[in-house]
Amino acid sequence: MRVNIISIGNSKGIRIPKALLNQCQIHEEVDLVADGKKIVIKPTKDHPRKDWGNRFADMAKNKDDVLIINDLIDIKDNEWTW
């Protein structure tokens, strides 16, 4: 698909058809990457930490929020290696 580069203030831009954005699952934000003489537009990951607060609250409610390793480890213990 060939599109024109347009002026946007002191910058330049392109118009991307809505159908193409939908096909690539691009919504509001993208990552731009230079790859040689190409510009690659990638969709960003949508909210990677979404609902973490709720999940941690569920863990606490289920008493599943315990330390895997005791934080009172004696680092001078002979069995402990770095």
N, C-alpha and C. Protein backbone atom coordinates (compact mmCIF):
# COMPACT_ATOMS: atom_id res chain seq x y z
N MET A 1 0.86 -1.17 0.00
CA MET A 1 0.00 0.00 0.00
C MET A 1 0.90 1.23 0.00
N ARG A 2 0.65 2.12 -0.87
CA ARG A 2 1.44 3.34 -0.97
C ARG A 2 0.64 4.49 -0.35
N VAL A 3 1.30 5.23 0.57
CA VAL A 3 0.65 6.39 1.21
C VAL A 3 1.59 7.58 1.12
N ASN A 4 1.02 8.78 1.24
CA ASN A 4 1.80 10.01 1.19
C ASN A 4 2.28 10.40 2.59
N ILE A 5 3.48 10.97 2.63
CA ILE A 5 3.99 11.54 3.88
C ILE A 5 3.42 12.93 3.98
N ILE A 6 2.86 13.25 5.17
CA ILE A 6 2.22 14.55 5.37
C ILE A 6 2.95 15.33 6.46
N SER A 7 2.83 16.64 6.43
CA SER A 7 3.41 17.49 7.47
C SER A 7 2.48 17.55 8.66
N ILE A 8 3.07 17.43 9.85
CA ILE A 8 2.33 17.56 11.10
C ILE A 8 3.19 18.45 11.99
N GLY A 9 2.92 19.75 11.96
CA GLY A 9 3.77 20.69 12.68
C GLY A 9 5.17 20.65 12.11
N ASN A 10 6.17 20.46 12.99
CA ASN A 10 7.56 20.36 12.54
C ASN A 10 7.94 18.93 12.19
N SER A 11 6.99 18.01 12.28
CA SER A 11 7.26 16.60 12.02
C SER A 11 6.60 16.15 10.73
N LYS A 12 6.78 14.90 10.41
CA LYS A 12 6.13 14.27 9.26
C LYS A 12 5.38 13.06 9.76
N GLY A 13 4.39 12.64 9.02
CA GLY A 13 3.61 11.47 9.42
C GLY A 13 2.94 10.82 8.24
N ILE A 14 2.26 9.72 8.51
CA ILE A 14 1.47 9.03 7.50
C ILE A 14 0.11 8.72 8.10
N ARG A 15 -0.87 8.52 7.24
CA ARG A 15 -2.20 8.08 7.67
C ARG A 15 -2.28 6.58 7.44
N ILE A 16 -2.64 5.86 8.49
CA ILE A 16 -2.75 4.41 8.38
C ILE A 16 -4.23 4.05 8.40
N PRO A 17 -4.72 3.37 7.38
CA PRO A 17 -6.14 3.02 7.33
C PRO A 17 -6.57 2.20 8.55
N LYS A 18 -7.76 2.46 9.03
CA LYS A 18 -8.30 1.79 10.21
C LYS A 18 -8.33 0.28 10.04
N ALA A 19 -8.67 -0.20 8.86
CA ALA A 19 -8.73 -1.64 8.61
C ALA A 19 -7.36 -2.29 8.82
N LEU A 20 -6.30 -1.62 8.41
CA LEU A 20 -4.95 -2.14 8.57
C LEU A 20 -4.56 -2.15 10.05
N LEU A 21 -4.92 -1.10 10.79
CA LEU A 21 -4.65 -1.06 12.22
C LEU A 21 -5.39 -2.19 12.94
N ASN A 22 -6.63 -2.40 12.58
CA ASN A 22 -7.41 -3.49 13.19
C ASN A 22 -6.80 -4.85 12.87
N GLN A 23 -6.39 -5.04 11.64
CA GLN A 23 -5.79 -6.32 11.22
C GLN A 23 -4.53 -6.61 12.04
N CYS A 24 -3.75 -5.58 12.36
CA CYS A 24 -2.51 -5.74 13.12
C CYS A 24 -2.72 -5.60 14.62
N GLN A 25 -3.96 -5.45 15.04
CA GLN A 25 -4.32 -5.29 16.45
C GLN A 25 -3.57 -4.12 17.09
N ILE A 26 -3.51 -3.02 16.37
CA ILE A 26 -2.89 -1.79 16.88
C ILE A 26 -4.01 -0.86 17.31
N HIS A 27 -3.90 -0.38 18.55
CA HIS A 27 -4.99 0.42 19.10
C HIS A 27 -4.58 1.88 19.28
N GLU A 28 -3.85 2.20 20.33
CA GLU A 28 -3.57 3.60 20.61
C GLU A 28 -2.08 3.93 20.62
N GLU A 29 -1.23 2.94 20.81
CA GLU A 29 0.19 3.20 20.96
C GLU A 29 0.98 2.14 20.21
N VAL A 30 2.11 2.54 19.62
CA VAL A 30 2.95 1.60 18.88
C VAL A 30 4.41 1.80 19.28
N ASP A 31 5.22 0.81 18.96
CA ASP A 31 6.67 0.93 19.06
C ASP A 31 7.20 1.12 17.65
N LEU A 32 8.08 2.12 17.47
CA LEU A 32 8.74 2.35 16.19
C LEU A 32 10.17 1.87 16.30
N VAL A 33 10.61 1.10 15.30
CA VAL A 33 11.97 0.57 15.30
C VAL A 33 12.58 0.82 13.93
N ALA A 34 13.81 1.33 13.91
CA ALA A 34 14.53 1.48 12.65
C ALA A 34 15.25 0.17 12.38
N ASP A 35 15.04 -0.35 11.18
CA ASP A 35 15.68 -1.61 10.76
C ASP A 35 16.34 -1.33 9.41
N GLY A 36 17.60 -0.89 9.47
CA GLY A 36 18.27 -0.49 8.24
C GLY A 36 17.58 0.74 7.67
N LYS A 37 17.10 0.62 6.44
CA LYS A 37 16.39 1.73 5.81
C LYS A 37 14.88 1.58 5.93
N LYS A 38 14.43 0.73 6.86
CA LYS A 38 13.00 0.50 7.06
C LYS A 38 12.57 1.04 8.43
N ILE A 39 11.33 1.47 8.52
CA ILE A 39 10.70 1.81 9.79
C ILE A 39 9.67 0.73 10.07
N VAL A 40 9.84 0.04 11.19
CA VAL A 40 8.92 -1.03 11.57
C VAL A 40 8.00 -0.50 12.65
N ILE A 41 6.70 -0.67 12.46
CA ILE A 41 5.70 -0.25 13.43
C ILE A 41 5.13 -1.50 14.08
N LYS A 42 5.29 -1.62 15.42
CA LYS A 42 4.80 -2.80 16.12
C LYS A 42 3.78 -2.39 17.18
N PRO A 43 2.77 -3.22 17.37
CA PRO A 43 1.82 -2.92 18.46
C PRO A 43 2.53 -3.09 19.80
N THR A 44 2.18 -2.25 20.75
CA THR A 44 2.74 -2.40 22.10
C THR A 44 1.97 -3.48 22.82
N LYS A 45 2.59 -4.04 23.83
CA LYS A 45 1.88 -5.02 24.65
C LYS A 45 0.89 -4.26 25.52
N ASP A 46 -0.35 -4.70 25.50
CA ASP A 46 -1.38 -4.01 26.25
C ASP A 46 -1.28 -4.30 27.74
N HIS A 47 -0.91 -3.31 28.48
CA HIS A 47 -0.93 -3.34 29.95
C HIS A 47 -0.41 -4.66 30.53
N PRO A 48 0.89 -4.92 30.46
CA PRO A 48 1.42 -6.20 30.91
C PRO A 48 1.17 -6.49 32.38
N ARG A 49 0.96 -5.45 33.20
CA ARG A 49 0.73 -5.68 34.63
C ARG A 49 -0.73 -5.46 35.02
N LYS A 50 -1.60 -5.53 34.04
CA LYS A 50 -3.02 -5.34 34.29
C LYS A 50 -3.52 -6.35 35.33
N ASP A 51 -4.27 -5.90 36.28
CA ASP A 51 -4.90 -6.72 37.33
C ASP A 51 -3.92 -7.32 38.33
N TRP A 52 -2.66 -6.89 38.35
CA TRP A 52 -1.74 -7.41 39.34
C TRP A 52 -2.25 -7.15 40.76
N GLY A 53 -2.79 -5.97 40.99
CA GLY A 53 -3.30 -5.64 42.32
C GLY A 53 -4.35 -6.62 42.77
N ASN A 54 -5.28 -6.96 41.89
CA ASN A 54 -6.33 -7.92 42.22
C ASN A 54 -5.75 -9.31 42.45
N ARG A 55 -4.79 -9.68 41.64
CA ARG A 55 -4.20 -11.01 41.79
C ARG A 55 -3.43 -11.14 43.10
N PHE A 56 -2.71 -10.08 43.49
CA PHE A 56 -2.00 -10.12 44.76
C PHE A 56 -2.99 -10.15 45.93
N ALA A 57 -4.10 -9.43 45.81
CA ALA A 57 -5.12 -9.46 46.85
C ALA A 57 -5.71 -10.86 46.98
N ASP A 58 -5.95 -11.54 45.86
CA ASP A 58 -6.45 -12.92 45.90
C ASP A 58 -5.44 -13.85 46.56
N MET A 59 -4.14 -13.64 46.25
CA MET A 59 -3.11 -14.47 46.88
C MET A 59 -3.13 -14.29 48.39
N ALA A 60 -3.26 -13.05 48.85
CA ALA A 60 -3.29 -12.79 50.30
C ALA A 60 -4.51 -13.44 50.92
N LYS A 61 -5.66 -13.33 50.25
CA LYS A 61 -6.89 -13.91 50.77
C LYS A 61 -6.77 -15.43 50.88
N ASN A 62 -6.08 -16.05 49.92
CA ASN A 62 -5.90 -17.50 49.92
C ASN A 62 -4.68 -17.95 50.72
N LYS A 63 -4.03 -16.98 51.38
CA LYS A 63 -2.80 -17.24 52.15
C LYS A 63 -1.73 -17.91 51.29
N ASP A 64 -1.65 -17.45 50.04
CA ASP A 64 -0.68 -18.00 49.09
C ASP A 64 0.43 -16.99 48.82
N ASP A 65 0.54 -15.98 49.65
CA ASP A 65 1.54 -14.93 49.44
C ASP A 65 2.71 -15.08 50.41
N VAL A 66 3.26 -16.28 50.45
CA VAL A 66 4.38 -16.56 51.34
C VAL A 66 5.69 -16.50 50.57
N LEU A 67 6.77 -16.24 51.29
CA LEU A 67 8.08 -16.20 50.66
C LEU A 67 8.50 -17.61 50.23
N ILE A 68 9.10 -17.69 49.08
CA ILE A 68 9.60 -18.98 48.60
C ILE A 68 10.91 -19.30 49.30
N ILE A 69 11.72 -18.27 49.52
CA ILE A 69 13.00 -18.42 50.22
C ILE A 69 12.93 -17.56 51.48
N ASN A 70 13.32 -18.13 52.59
CA ASN A 70 13.31 -17.41 53.85
C ASN A 70 14.23 -16.20 53.75
N ASP A 71 13.74 -15.02 54.08
CA ASP A 71 14.55 -13.81 53.98
C ASP A 71 15.46 -13.63 55.19
N LEU A 72 15.47 -14.58 56.10
CA LEU A 72 16.36 -14.51 57.26
C LEU A 72 17.53 -15.48 57.11
N ILE A 73 17.89 -15.79 55.88
CA ILE A 73 19.00 -16.70 55.61
C ILE A 73 20.29 -16.11 56.17
N ASP A 74 21.05 -16.94 56.85
CA ASP A 74 22.36 -16.54 57.37
C ASP A 74 23.37 -16.72 56.24
N ILE A 75 23.80 -15.62 55.64
CA ILE A 75 24.69 -15.72 54.48
C ILE A 75 26.09 -16.18 54.87
N LYS A 76 26.38 -16.22 56.18
CA LYS A 76 27.67 -16.73 56.63
C LYS A 76 27.64 -18.24 56.82
N ASP A 77 26.48 -18.83 56.64
CA ASP A 77 26.31 -20.29 56.76
C ASP A 77 27.18 -20.99 55.73
N ASN A 78 27.88 -22.02 56.13
CA ASN A 78 28.79 -22.73 55.23
C ASN A 78 28.08 -23.40 54.05
N GLU A 79 26.82 -23.74 54.22
CA GLU A 79 26.09 -24.39 53.13
C GLU A 79 25.61 -23.42 52.06
N TRP A 80 25.67 -22.14 52.34
CA TRP A 80 25.19 -21.12 51.40
C TRP A 80 26.31 -20.76 50.44
N THR A 81 26.04 -20.84 49.14
CA THR A 81 27.05 -20.44 48.15
C THR A 81 26.47 -19.36 47.26
N TRP A 82 27.32 -18.48 46.80
CA TRP A 82 26.89 -17.39 45.91
C TRP A 82 27.12 -17.78 44.49
